[in-house]
Amino acid sequence: MNKILIIQTAFIGDVILTTPVVEKLSEFYPDAKIDFLLRRGNEQLLENHPKINEILIWTKKGRKYRSLFQVVKLVRSKNYDVVINVQRFMAAGIITVLSGAKLKVGFIKNPLSFLFNKTVRHRLIGQHETSRNLSLVRELTDDKYVRPKLYPSKSQYESIKKYQTNPYLCFAPTSVWGTKQFPSLKWVELILSQDDNWTIYLLGGPADSEECEELLTMCERENLFDLSGKLTFLESAALMKGATMNYVNDSAPMHMASSVNAPTNAIFCSTVPSFGFGPLANYSKVIETKKELPCRPCGLHGKKECPLGHFDCAYSIKKDQFDRPNFVVD
């Protein structure tokens, strides 16, 4: 087994939760070249990854299907021995089937799985996504669990040192999905409940800057800084690793924290941890409503807004459910 391709072209968190497959294959096949196919925009996550030979990029936005067969042509030219398809969608199935690989592995839920050499059941409830992904390579490796892992470089750790002169907390307040996102007023309440001596950083991408700036204005708190859009993915992960606590939604920053084993308080509003996307750091805590809500969960990925209009799964969460770390200066 000389050349292996892993396909995961979904979102940031999905890529992070696929990294255990890289770790496992690298352990068992140290001489193999392991490549990773992902969507354009996510390649920063795996830059400098010591166990990945090459990152292949699919430009899905705007010309998804026009570029699909360019990707197929590229994959075929690599002459892979094995293709591991982590996705359950038709397009990734097409790439897998047309890859020319001797061994094609994927989930049985993929519509083209009948053309794979090896298929694995996908169990949604009661199993973490990382375990589901690792099940694809169990027969090629073993059944031992490994956690997701990202590799910020030495220079990236150096670049965030200027933010680490005092003990600090990280808050990642946004999400692509409206009902996964803790409401702004609840974030304000949580931020203002922290000891005034803490330095607090707001994290997110360029698209999150408006909401983070709004929180900055609403809080009127000293030592609160907006870093949204100012750090790369791996710089954000490096900063989270050094935080005393990270407060995150059920979203990509939660998986970043897991990837560097950073302490985490993860807020689940409309979604639930039993779907398999909970935090994995040694110290991690799930924060969710204590009310019995018949409408929760209202979907696997969350929705743009609460279908019933009350968003009680978020507003009923109390600030005393969160960890409030003690401010200690060595």
C-alpha atoms as a PDB file:
ATOM      1  CA  MET A   1       0.000   0.000   0.000  1.00  0.00           C
ATOM      2  CA  ASN A   2       2.010   2.966  -1.302  1.00  0.00           C
ATOM      3  CA  LYS A   3      -0.489   5.727  -2.059  1.00  0.00           C
ATOM      4  CA  ILE A   4      -3.663   6.577  -0.125  1.00  0.00           C
ATOM      5  CA  LEU A   5      -6.246   9.306  -0.698  1.00  0.00           C
ATOM      6  CA  ILE A   6      -8.713  10.522   1.924  1.00  0.00           C
ATOM      7  CA  ILE A   7     -11.751  12.440   0.643  1.00  0.00           C
ATOM      8  CA  GLN A   8     -13.481  14.981   2.890  1.00  0.00           C
ATOM      9  CA  THR A   9     -14.713  18.052   1.010  1.00  0.00           C
ATOM     10  CA  ALA A  10     -17.284  19.303   3.534  1.00  0.00           C
ATOM     11  CA  PHE A  11     -16.741  22.042   6.110  1.00  0.00           C
ATOM     12  CA  ILE A  12     -13.991  23.019   8.552  1.00  0.00           C
ATOM     13  CA  GLY A  13     -15.173  20.835  11.419  1.00  0.00           C
ATOM     14  CA  ASP A  14     -15.641  17.846   9.123  1.00  0.00           C
ATOM     15  CA  VAL A  15     -12.022  18.057   7.975  1.00  0.00           C
ATOM     16  CA  ILE A  16     -10.794  18.237  11.569  1.00  0.00           C
ATOM     17  CA  LEU A  17     -12.882  15.217  12.552  1.00  0.00           C
ATOM     18  CA  THR A  18     -11.330  13.236   9.695  1.00  0.00           C
ATOM     19  CA  THR A  19      -7.751  13.764  10.912  1.00  0.00           C
ATOM     20  CA  PRO A  20      -7.849  10.633  13.139  1.00  0.00           C
ATOM     21  CA  VAL A  21      -7.954   8.632   9.896  1.00  0.00           C
ATOM     22  CA  VAL A  22      -4.689  10.298   8.855  1.00  0.00           C
ATOM     23  CA  GLU A  23      -3.117   9.527  12.235  1.00  0.00           C
ATOM     24  CA  LYS A  24      -4.187   5.886  12.120  1.00  0.00           C
ATOM     25  CA  LEU A  25      -3.073   5.200   8.557  1.00  0.00           C
ATOM     26  CA  SER A  26       0.256   6.932   9.153  1.00  0.00           C
ATOM     27  CA  GLU A  27       0.873   4.731  12.180  1.00  0.00           C
ATOM     28  CA  PHE A  28       0.241   1.486  10.307  1.00  0.00           C
ATOM     29  CA  TYR A  29       1.698   2.472   6.935  1.00  0.00           C
ATOM     30  CA  PRO A  30       4.570   4.852   7.768  1.00  0.00           C
ATOM     31  CA  ASP A  31       6.064   4.599   4.279  1.00  0.00           C
ATOM     32  CA  ALA A  32       2.806   5.284   2.440  1.00  0.00           C
ATOM     33  CA  LYS A  33       2.081   8.660   0.880  1.00  0.00           C
ATOM     34  CA  ILE A  34      -1.192   9.926   2.310  1.00  0.00           C
ATOM     35  CA  ASP A  35      -2.990  12.643   0.332  1.00  0.00           C
ATOM     36  CA  PHE A  36      -6.115  14.560   1.377  1.00  0.00           C
ATOM     37  CA  LEU A  37      -8.808  15.978  -0.906  1.00  0.00           C
ATOM     38  CA  LEU A  38     -10.748  18.919   0.541  1.00  0.00           C
ATOM     39  CA  ARG A  39     -12.710  21.969  -0.597  1.00  0.00           C
ATOM     40  CA  ARG A  40     -10.988  25.231  -1.442  1.00  0.00           C
ATOM     41  CA  GLY A  41     -10.743  27.437   1.628  1.00  0.00           C
ATOM     42  CA  ASN A  42      -9.990  24.620   4.062  1.00  0.00           C
ATOM     43  CA  GLU A  43      -6.443  23.867   2.942  1.00  0.00           C
ATOM     44  CA  GLN A  44      -4.959  26.045   5.702  1.00  0.00           C
ATOM     45  CA  LEU A  45      -6.145  23.501   8.257  1.00  0.00           C
ATOM     46  CA  LEU A  46      -3.696  20.873   7.039  1.00  0.00           C
ATOM     47  CA  GLU A  47      -0.743  23.020   6.007  1.00  0.00           C
ATOM     48  CA  ASN A  48       2.513  21.774   7.502  1.00  0.00           C
ATOM     49  CA  HIS A  49       0.798  18.519   8.522  1.00  0.00           C
ATOM     50  CA  PRO A  50       3.730  16.140   8.961  1.00  0.00           C
ATOM     51  CA  LYS A  51       1.734  13.053   7.969  1.00  0.00           C
ATOM     52  CA  ILE A  52       0.105  14.360   4.797  1.00  0.00           C
ATOM     53  CA  ASN A  53       2.023  14.167   1.542  1.00  0.00           C
ATOM     54  CA  GLU A  54      -0.154  16.402  -0.636  1.00  0.00           C
ATOM     55  CA  ILE A  55      -3.375  18.387  -0.313  1.00  0.00           C
ATOM     56  CA  LEU A  56      -5.704  18.216  -3.317  1.00  0.00           C
ATOM     57  CA  ILE A  57      -8.236  21.029  -3.641  1.00  0.00           C
ATOM     58  CA  TRP A  58     -11.712  20.963  -5.144  1.00  0.00           C
ATOM     59  CA  THR A  59     -13.241  24.361  -5.979  1.00  0.00           C
ATOM     60  CA  LYS A  60     -16.861  23.640  -5.124  1.00  0.00           C
ATOM     61  CA  LYS A  61     -18.186  27.176  -4.790  1.00  0.00           C
ATOM     62  CA  GLY A  62     -19.575  28.608  -7.999  1.00  0.00           C
ATOM     63  CA  ARG A  63     -18.467  25.833 -10.346  1.00  0.00           C
ATOM     64  CA  LYS A  64     -18.865  22.664  -8.317  1.00  0.00           C
ATOM     65  CA  TYR A  65     -19.796  20.254 -11.102  1.00  0.00           C
ATOM     66  CA  ARG A  66     -17.728  21.904 -13.803  1.00  0.00           C
ATOM     67  CA  SER A  67     -14.651  21.336 -11.664  1.00  0.00           C
ATOM     68  CA  LEU A  68     -15.733  17.889 -10.462  1.00  0.00           C
ATOM     69  CA  PHE A  69     -14.357  16.071 -13.467  1.00  0.00           C
ATOM     70  CA  GLN A  70     -11.130  18.073 -13.313  1.00  0.00           C
ATOM     71  CA  VAL A  71     -10.766  16.650  -9.805  1.00  0.00           C
ATOM     72  CA  VAL A  72     -11.565  13.157 -11.070  1.00  0.00           C
ATOM     73  CA  LYS A  73      -8.873  13.532 -13.732  1.00  0.00           C
ATOM     74  CA  LEU A  74      -6.364  14.734 -11.133  1.00  0.00           C
ATOM     75  CA  VAL A  75      -7.180  11.878  -8.746  1.00  0.00           C
ATOM     76  CA  ARG A  76      -6.873   9.270 -11.518  1.00  0.00           C
ATOM     77  CA  SER A  77      -3.457  10.637 -12.476  1.00  0.00           C
ATOM     78  CA  LYS A  78      -2.154   9.928  -8.971  1.00  0.00           C
ATOM     79  CA  ASN A  79      -2.626   6.132  -9.269  1.00  0.00           C
ATOM     80  CA  TYR A  80      -3.832   5.587  -5.709  1.00  0.00           C
ATOM     81  CA  ASP A  81      -3.834   2.139  -4.192  1.00  0.00           C
ATOM     82  CA  VAL A  82      -6.579   3.047  -1.720  1.00  0.00           C
ATOM     83  CA  VAL A  83      -9.260   5.747  -1.605  1.00  0.00           C
ATOM     84  CA  ILE A  84     -11.048   6.364   1.710  1.00  0.00           C
ATOM     85  CA  ASN A  85     -14.248   8.333   1.106  1.00  0.00           C
ATOM     86  CA  VAL A  86     -15.539   9.813   4.360  1.00  0.00           C
ATOM     87  CA  GLN A  87     -18.563  11.460   2.744  1.00  0.00           C
ATOM     88  CA  ARG A  88     -22.012  10.134   1.983  1.00  0.00           C
ATOM     89  CA  PHE A  89     -22.834  12.285  -1.039  1.00  0.00           C
ATOM     90  CA  MET A  90     -23.007  11.540  -4.748  1.00  0.00           C
ATOM     91  CA  ALA A  91     -20.163  13.821  -5.896  1.00  0.00           C
ATOM     92  CA  ALA A  92     -17.621  12.272  -3.534  1.00  0.00           C
ATOM     93  CA  GLY A  93     -18.910   8.874  -4.638  1.00  0.00           C
ATOM     94  CA  ILE A  94     -18.214   9.762  -8.276  1.00  0.00           C
ATOM     95  CA  ILE A  95     -14.636  10.738  -7.430  1.00  0.00           C
ATOM     96  CA  THR A  96     -14.188   7.481  -5.535  1.00  0.00           C
ATOM     97  CA  VAL A  97     -15.660   5.232  -8.223  1.00  0.00           C
ATOM     98  CA  LEU A  98     -13.680   6.886 -11.020  1.00  0.00           C
ATOM     99  CA  SER A  99     -10.442   7.128  -9.020  1.00  0.00           C
ATOM    100  CA  GLY A 100      -8.953   3.967 -10.487  1.00  0.00           C
ATOM    101  CA  ALA A 101      -7.890   2.866  -6.994  1.00  0.00           C
ATOM    102  CA  LYS A 102      -7.522  -0.847  -6.309  1.00  0.00           C
ATOM    103  CA  LEU A 103      -9.413  -0.495  -3.011  1.00  0.00           C
ATOM    104  CA  LYS A 104     -12.308   1.931  -2.650  1.00  0.00           C
ATOM    105  CA  VAL A 105     -13.768   2.302   0.867  1.00  0.00           C
ATOM    106  CA  GLY A 106     -16.764   4.340   2.026  1.00  0.00           C
ATOM    107  CA  PHE A 107     -20.016   4.415   3.946  1.00  0.00           C
ATOM    108  CA  ILE A 108     -22.888   2.285   2.752  1.00  0.00           C
ATOM    109  CA  LYS A 109     -25.115   5.400   2.787  1.00  0.00           C
ATOM    110  CA  ASN A 110     -23.223   6.827  -0.181  1.00  0.00           C
ATOM    111  CA  PRO A 111     -25.523   6.409  -3.217  1.00  0.00           C
ATOM    112  CA  LEU A 112     -22.651   4.866  -5.209  1.00  0.00           C
ATOM    113  CA  SER A 113     -21.439   2.576  -2.422  1.00  0.00           C
ATOM    114  CA  PHE A 114     -22.513  -0.495  -4.407  1.00  0.00           C
ATOM    115  CA  LEU A 115     -19.503   0.228  -6.626  1.00  0.00           C
ATOM    116  CA  PHE A 116     -17.029   0.396  -3.701  1.00  0.00           C
ATOM    117  CA  ASN A 117     -14.886  -2.592  -2.708  1.00  0.00           C
ATOM    118  CA  LYS A 118     -15.569  -2.124   0.985  1.00  0.00           C
ATOM    119  CA  THR A 119     -18.511  -0.436   2.727  1.00  0.00           C
ATOM    120  CA  VAL A 120     -19.167   0.347   6.367  1.00  0.00           C
ATOM    121  CA  ARG A 121     -22.418   1.127   8.151  1.00  0.00           C
ATOM    122  CA  HIS A 122     -22.905   4.706   9.314  1.00  0.00           C
ATOM    123  CA  ARG A 123     -24.502   4.862  12.778  1.00  0.00           C
ATOM    124  CA  LEU A 124     -25.678   8.370  13.624  1.00  0.00           C
ATOM    125  CA  ILE A 125     -26.763   8.048  17.256  1.00  0.00           C
ATOM    126  CA  GLY A 126     -24.462   6.986  20.084  1.00  0.00           C
ATOM    127  CA  GLN A 127     -21.145   7.176  18.228  1.00  0.00           C
ATOM    128  CA  HIS A 128     -18.810  10.123  17.778  1.00  0.00           C
ATOM    129  CA  GLU A 129     -18.096  11.251  14.234  1.00  0.00           C
ATOM    130  CA  THR A 130     -14.404  10.493  14.716  1.00  0.00           C
ATOM    131  CA  SER A 131     -15.262   6.890  15.597  1.00  0.00           C
ATOM    132  CA  ARG A 132     -17.528   6.634  12.559  1.00  0.00           C
ATOM    133  CA  ASN A 133     -14.679   7.864  10.362  1.00  0.00           C
ATOM    134  CA  LEU A 134     -12.161   5.504  11.966  1.00  0.00           C
ATOM    135  CA  SER A 135     -14.490   2.572  11.275  1.00  0.00           C
ATOM    136  CA  LEU A 136     -13.646   3.009   7.578  1.00  0.00           C
ATOM    137  CA  VAL A 137     -10.030   1.939   8.190  1.00  0.00           C
ATOM    138  CA  ARG A 138     -10.569  -0.548  11.004  1.00  0.00           C
ATOM    139  CA  GLU A 139      -9.836  -3.560   8.804  1.00  0.00           C
ATOM    140  CA  LEU A 140      -6.703  -1.878   7.474  1.00  0.00           C
ATOM    141  CA  THR A 141      -5.450  -0.911  10.952  1.00  0.00           C
ATOM    142  CA  ASP A 142      -7.039  -1.765  14.320  1.00  0.00           C
ATOM    143  CA  ASP A 143      -9.949  -0.693  16.493  1.00  0.00           C
ATOM    144  CA  LYS A 144      -8.047   1.593  18.873  1.00  0.00           C
ATOM    145  CA  TYR A 145      -9.335   5.153  19.100  1.00  0.00           C
ATOM    146  CA  VAL A 146      -7.256   8.232  18.254  1.00  0.00           C
ATOM    147  CA  ARG A 147      -8.345  11.840  18.606  1.00  0.00           C
ATOM    148  CA  PRO A 148      -8.330  14.568  15.950  1.00  0.00           C
ATOM    149  CA  LYS A 149      -5.115  16.534  15.669  1.00  0.00           C
ATOM    150  CA  LEU A 150      -3.964  19.701  13.927  1.00  0.00           C
ATOM    151  CA  TYR A 151      -0.372  20.866  13.732  1.00  0.00           C
ATOM    152  CA  PRO A 152       0.211  24.614  14.158  1.00  0.00           C
ATOM    153  CA  SER A 153       3.788  25.386  13.130  1.00  0.00           C
ATOM    154  CA  LYS A 154       6.488  26.868  15.341  1.00  0.00           C
ATOM    155  CA  SER A 155       6.108  30.189  13.514  1.00  0.00           C
ATOM    156  CA  GLN A 156       2.349  30.164  14.105  1.00  0.00           C
ATOM    157  CA  TYR A 157       2.865  29.611  17.831  1.00  0.00           C
ATOM    158  CA  GLU A 158       5.362  32.471  17.770  1.00  0.00           C
ATOM    159  CA  SER A 159       2.940  34.749  15.942  1.00  0.00           C
ATOM    160  CA  ILE A 160       0.303  34.533  18.701  1.00  0.00           C
ATOM    161  CA  LYS A 161       2.696  34.996  21.644  1.00  0.00           C
ATOM    162  CA  LYS A 162       1.912  38.707  21.700  1.00  0.00           C
ATOM    163  CA  TYR A 163      -1.605  37.787  22.826  1.00  0.00           C
ATOM    164  CA  GLN A 164      -0.373  35.559  25.639  1.00  0.00           C
ATOM    165  CA  THR A 165       1.315  38.018  27.996  1.00  0.00           C
ATOM    166  CA  ASN A 166      -1.545  37.618  30.519  1.00  0.00           C
ATOM    167  CA  PRO A 167      -3.910  34.743  31.367  1.00  0.00           C
ATOM    168  CA  TYR A 168      -6.771  34.753  28.875  1.00  0.00           C
ATOM    169  CA  LEU A 169     -10.065  33.221  27.782  1.00  0.00           C
ATOM    170  CA  CYS A 170     -11.256  32.619  24.211  1.00  0.00           C
ATOM    171  CA  PHE A 171     -14.845  33.071  23.057  1.00  0.00           C
ATOM    172  CA  ALA A 172     -15.978  31.902  19.609  1.00  0.00           C
ATOM    173  CA  PRO A 173     -19.506  33.328  19.461  1.00  0.00           C
ATOM    174  CA  THR A 174     -20.685  32.594  15.915  1.00  0.00           C
ATOM    175  CA  SER A 175     -21.877  29.677  13.809  1.00  0.00           C
ATOM    176  CA  VAL A 176     -22.967  29.132  10.225  1.00  0.00           C
ATOM    177  CA  TRP A 177     -26.272  27.806  11.617  1.00  0.00           C
ATOM    178  CA  GLY A 178     -28.508  30.244  13.501  1.00  0.00           C
ATOM    179  CA  THR A 179     -29.913  27.722  15.980  1.00  0.00           C
ATOM    180  CA  LYS A 180     -26.420  26.468  16.863  1.00  0.00           C
ATOM    181  CA  GLN A 181     -25.368  29.964  17.875  1.00  0.00           C
ATOM    182  CA  PHE A 182     -25.769  31.186  21.448  1.00  0.00           C
ATOM    183  CA  PRO A 183     -27.663  34.509  21.243  1.00  0.00           C
ATOM    184  CA  SER A 184     -25.708  37.768  21.474  1.00  0.00           C
ATOM    185  CA  LEU A 185     -27.364  38.855  24.711  1.00  0.00           C
ATOM    186  CA  LYS A 186     -26.434  35.532  26.322  1.00  0.00           C
ATOM    187  CA  TRP A 187     -22.814  35.958  25.178  1.00  0.00           C
ATOM    188  CA  VAL A 188     -22.777  39.428  26.684  1.00  0.00           C
ATOM    189  CA  GLU A 189     -24.075  38.040  29.963  1.00  0.00           C
ATOM    190  CA  LEU A 190     -21.418  35.332  29.988  1.00  0.00           C
ATOM    191  CA  ILE A 191     -18.561  37.679  29.083  1.00  0.00           C
ATOM    192  CA  LEU A 192     -19.545  40.228  31.738  1.00  0.00           C
ATOM    193  CA  SER A 193     -19.734  37.501  34.387  1.00  0.00           C
ATOM    194  CA  GLN A 194     -15.986  36.848  34.080  1.00  0.00           C
ATOM    195  CA  ASP A 195     -13.414  38.351  36.435  1.00  0.00           C
ATOM    196  CA  ASP A 196     -12.383  41.795  35.145  1.00  0.00           C
ATOM    197  CA  ASN A 197      -8.715  40.791  35.185  1.00  0.00           C
ATOM    198  CA  TRP A 198      -9.122  38.223  32.437  1.00  0.00           C
ATOM    199  CA  THR A 199      -8.031  39.130  28.945  1.00  0.00           C
ATOM    200  CA  ILE A 200     -10.792  37.883  26.624  1.00  0.00           C
ATOM    201  CA  TYR A 201     -10.393  37.254  22.883  1.00  0.00           C
ATOM    202  CA  LEU A 202     -13.263  36.930  20.416  1.00  0.00           C
ATOM    203  CA  LEU A 203     -12.397  34.461  17.655  1.00  0.00           C
ATOM    204  CA  GLY A 204     -13.887  33.859  14.227  1.00  0.00           C
ATOM    205  CA  GLY A 205     -13.342  34.322  10.527  1.00  0.00           C
ATOM    206  CA  PRO A 206     -13.665  37.505   8.443  1.00  0.00           C
ATOM    207  CA  ALA A 207     -17.404  36.859   8.026  1.00  0.00           C
ATOM    208  CA  ASP A 208     -17.833  36.949  11.811  1.00  0.00           C
ATOM    209  CA  SER A 209     -16.267  40.376  12.346  1.00  0.00           C
ATOM    210  CA  GLU A 210     -19.540  42.331  12.316  1.00  0.00           C
ATOM    211  CA  GLU A 211     -21.077  40.180  15.056  1.00  0.00           C
ATOM    212  CA  CYS A 212     -17.885  40.222  17.116  1.00  0.00           C
ATOM    213  CA  GLU A 213     -17.652  44.005  16.826  1.00  0.00           C
ATOM    214  CA  GLU A 214     -21.249  44.225  18.005  1.00  0.00           C
ATOM    215  CA  LEU A 215     -20.392  42.143  21.076  1.00  0.00           C
ATOM    216  CA  LEU A 216     -17.389  44.364  21.727  1.00  0.00           C
ATOM    217  CA  THR A 217     -19.646  47.424  21.719  1.00  0.00           C
ATOM    218  CA  MET A 218     -22.376  45.814  23.823  1.00  0.00           C
ATOM    219  CA  CYS A 219     -19.993  44.626  26.526  1.00  0.00           C
ATOM    220  CA  GLU A 220     -18.031  47.867  27.066  1.00  0.00           C
ATOM    221  CA  ARG A 221     -15.468  45.812  28.937  1.00  0.00           C
ATOM    222  CA  GLU A 222     -11.751  46.397  29.300  1.00  0.00           C
ATOM    223  CA  ASN A 223      -9.405  43.606  28.188  1.00  0.00           C
ATOM    224  CA  LEU A 224     -11.890  42.402  25.553  1.00  0.00           C
ATOM    225  CA  PHE A 225     -10.427  42.175  22.052  1.00  0.00           C
ATOM    226  CA  ASP A 226     -11.844  41.162  18.678  1.00  0.00           C
ATOM    227  CA  LEU A 227      -9.473  38.885  16.734  1.00  0.00           C
ATOM    228  CA  SER A 228     -12.043  37.699  14.191  1.00  0.00           C
ATOM    229  CA  GLY A 229     -10.510  37.660  10.716  1.00  0.00           C
ATOM    230  CA  LYS A 230      -7.069  38.455  12.100  1.00  0.00           C
ATOM    231  CA  LEU A 231      -5.784  34.905  12.662  1.00  0.00           C
ATOM    232  CA  THR A 232      -5.453  31.870  10.420  1.00  0.00           C
ATOM    233  CA  PHE A 233      -7.160  28.606  11.354  1.00  0.00           C
ATOM    234  CA  LEU A 234      -3.999  27.208  12.897  1.00  0.00           C
ATOM    235  CA  GLU A 235      -3.127  30.436  14.708  1.00  0.00           C
ATOM    236  CA  SER A 236      -6.598  30.344  16.255  1.00  0.00           C
ATOM    237  CA  ALA A 237      -6.039  26.733  17.310  1.00  0.00           C
ATOM    238  CA  ALA A 238      -2.666  27.665  18.828  1.00  0.00           C
ATOM    239  CA  LEU A 239      -4.253  30.530  20.770  1.00  0.00           C
ATOM    240  CA  MET A 240      -7.051  28.256  22.018  1.00  0.00           C
ATOM    241  CA  LYS A 241      -4.491  25.733  23.206  1.00  0.00           C
ATOM    242  CA  GLY A 242      -2.997  28.293  25.593  1.00  0.00           C
ATOM    243  CA  ALA A 243      -6.320  29.600  26.904  1.00  0.00           C
ATOM    244  CA  THR A 244      -7.476  28.861  30.428  1.00  0.00           C
ATOM    245  CA  MET A 245     -10.914  28.158  28.931  1.00  0.00           C
ATOM    246  CA  ASN A 246     -12.557  28.244  25.498  1.00  0.00           C
ATOM    247  CA  TYR A 247     -16.270  29.002  25.199  1.00  0.00           C
ATOM    248  CA  VAL A 248     -17.662  27.782  21.888  1.00  0.00           C
ATOM    249  CA  ASN A 249     -20.838  26.791  20.063  1.00  0.00           C
ATOM    250  CA  ASP A 250     -21.447  23.360  18.542  1.00  0.00           C
ATOM    251  CA  SER A 251     -19.379  24.488  15.576  1.00  0.00           C
ATOM    252  CA  ALA A 252     -15.910  24.472  14.003  1.00  0.00           C
ATOM    253  CA  PRO A 253     -14.054  26.209  16.893  1.00  0.00           C
ATOM    254  CA  MET A 254     -15.161  23.405  19.205  1.00  0.00           C
ATOM    255  CA  HIS A 255     -13.406  20.904  16.939  1.00  0.00           C
ATOM    256  CA  MET A 256     -10.347  23.159  16.759  1.00  0.00           C
ATOM    257  CA  ALA A 257     -10.180  23.062  20.544  1.00  0.00           C
ATOM    258  CA  SER A 258     -10.427  19.269  20.443  1.00  0.00           C
ATOM    259  CA  SER A 259      -7.622  19.082  17.889  1.00  0.00           C
ATOM    260  CA  VAL A 260      -5.151  20.772  20.262  1.00  0.00           C
ATOM    261  CA  ASN A 261      -6.648  19.301  23.462  1.00  0.00           C
ATOM    262  CA  ALA A 262      -7.698  22.725  24.748  1.00  0.00           C
ATOM    263  CA  PRO A 263     -10.124  23.116  27.703  1.00  0.00           C
ATOM    264  CA  THR A 264     -13.626  23.645  26.395  1.00  0.00           C
ATOM    265  CA  ASN A 265     -17.126  24.665  27.414  1.00  0.00           C
ATOM    266  CA  ALA A 266     -19.264  23.711  24.402  1.00  0.00           C
ATOM    267  CA  ILE A 267     -22.771  25.142  24.042  1.00  0.00           C
ATOM    268  CA  PHE A 268     -25.427  22.973  22.406  1.00  0.00           C
ATOM    269  CA  CYS A 269     -28.612  24.867  21.613  1.00  0.00           C
ATOM    270  CA  SER A 270     -30.866  23.137  19.066  1.00  0.00           C
ATOM    271  CA  THR A 271     -28.520  20.193  18.468  1.00  0.00           C
ATOM    272  CA  VAL A 272     -27.499  17.447  20.907  1.00  0.00           C
ATOM    273  CA  PRO A 273     -24.147  15.745  21.634  1.00  0.00           C
ATOM    274  CA  SER A 274     -25.589  12.298  20.920  1.00  0.00           C
ATOM    275  CA  PHE A 275     -25.423  13.115  17.205  1.00  0.00           C
ATOM    276  CA  GLY A 276     -21.682  12.507  17.609  1.00  0.00           C
ATOM    277  CA  PHE A 277     -20.122  15.943  17.342  1.00  0.00           C
ATOM    278  CA  GLY A 278     -19.296  16.734  20.967  1.00  0.00           C
ATOM    279  CA  PRO A 279     -16.019  18.103  22.375  1.00  0.00           C
ATOM    280  CA  LEU A 280     -13.099  15.694  22.827  1.00  0.00           C
ATOM    281  CA  ALA A 281     -10.473  17.544  24.867  1.00  0.00           C
ATOM    282  CA  ASN A 282      -9.331  16.000  28.143  1.00  0.00           C
ATOM    283  CA  TYR A 283     -11.209  18.756  29.927  1.00  0.00           C
ATOM    284  CA  SER A 284     -14.435  19.517  28.132  1.00  0.00           C
ATOM    285  CA  LYS A 285     -17.935  20.250  29.332  1.00  0.00           C
ATOM    286  CA  VAL A 286     -21.205  20.308  27.422  1.00  0.00           C
ATOM    287  CA  ILE A 287     -23.527  23.198  28.231  1.00  0.00           C
ATOM    288  CA  GLU A 288     -27.166  22.663  27.279  1.00  0.00           C
ATOM    289  CA  THR A 289     -30.640  23.507  28.499  1.00  0.00           C
ATOM    290  CA  LYS A 290     -31.949  21.684  31.557  1.00  0.00           C
ATOM    291  CA  LYS A 291     -35.516  22.034  30.320  1.00  0.00           C
ATOM    292  CA  GLU A 292     -37.323  19.141  28.680  1.00  0.00           C
ATOM    293  CA  LEU A 293     -38.144  20.538  25.261  1.00  0.00           C
ATOM    294  CA  PRO A 294     -40.126  18.273  22.908  1.00  0.00           C
ATOM    295  CA  CYS A 295     -38.878  20.310  19.946  1.00  0.00           C
ATOM    296  CA  ARG A 296     -35.192  19.628  20.681  1.00  0.00           C
ATOM    297  CA  PRO A 297     -33.322  18.597  18.625  1.00  0.00           C
ATOM    298  CA  CYS A 298     -35.019  20.234  15.661  1.00  0.00           C
ATOM    299  CA  GLY A 299     -32.438  18.964  13.166  1.00  0.00           C
ATOM    300  CA  LEU A 300     -29.033  17.418  12.701  1.00  0.00           C
ATOM    301  CA  HIS A 301     -27.223  20.584  11.590  1.00  0.00           C
ATOM    302  CA  GLY A 302     -29.356  23.316  13.088  1.00  0.00           C
ATOM    303  CA  LYS A 303     -31.526  25.823  11.221  1.00  0.00           C
ATOM    304  CA  LYS A 304     -31.347  29.486  10.244  1.00  0.00           C
ATOM    305  CA  GLU A 305     -33.735  30.355  13.053  1.00  0.00           C
ATOM    306  CA  CYS A 306     -35.955  28.668  15.630  1.00  0.00           C
ATOM    307  CA  PRO A 307     -38.918  27.088  13.781  1.00  0.00           C
ATOM    308  CA  LEU A 308     -41.196  27.892  16.734  1.00  0.00           C
ATOM    309  CA  GLY A 309     -39.907  31.398  17.309  1.00  0.00           C
ATOM    310  CA  HIS A 310     -38.937  31.070  20.988  1.00  0.00           C
ATOM    311  CA  PHE A 311     -35.385  29.611  20.777  1.00  0.00           C
ATOM    312  CA  ASP A 312     -35.884  28.319  24.304  1.00  0.00           C
ATOM    313  CA  CYS A 313     -33.112  25.729  23.898  1.00  0.00           C
ATOM    314  CA  ALA A 314     -30.678  28.670  23.997  1.00  0.00           C
ATOM    315  CA  TYR A 315     -32.382  31.275  26.164  1.00  0.00           C
ATOM    316  CA  SER A 316     -33.055  28.775  28.979  1.00  0.00           C
ATOM    317  CA  ILE A 317     -29.312  28.101  29.467  1.00  0.00           C
ATOM    318  CA  LYS A 318     -28.096  29.837  32.634  1.00  0.00           C
ATOM    319  CA  LYS A 319     -24.732  31.510  33.131  1.00  0.00           C
ATOM    320  CA  ASP A 320     -24.081  29.472  36.286  1.00  0.00           C
ATOM    321  CA  GLN A 321     -23.908  26.318  34.123  1.00  0.00           C
ATOM    322  CA  PHE A 322     -20.574  27.498  32.710  1.00  0.00           C
ATOM    323  CA  ASP A 323     -17.154  27.136  34.270  1.00  0.00           C
ATOM    324  CA  ARG A 324     -15.825  30.388  35.677  1.00  0.00           C
ATOM    325  CA  PRO A 325     -12.081  29.792  35.992  1.00  0.00           C
ATOM    326  CA  ASN A 326     -10.255  31.475  38.849  1.00  0.00           C
ATOM    327  CA  PHE A 327      -7.914  34.249  37.846  1.00  0.00           C
ATOM    328  CA  VAL A 328      -4.465  33.234  39.027  1.00  0.00           C
ATOM    329  CA  VAL A 329      -1.157  34.892  38.155  1.00  0.00           C
ATOM    330  CA  ASP A 330       1.910  32.685  38.687  1.00  0.00           C
END
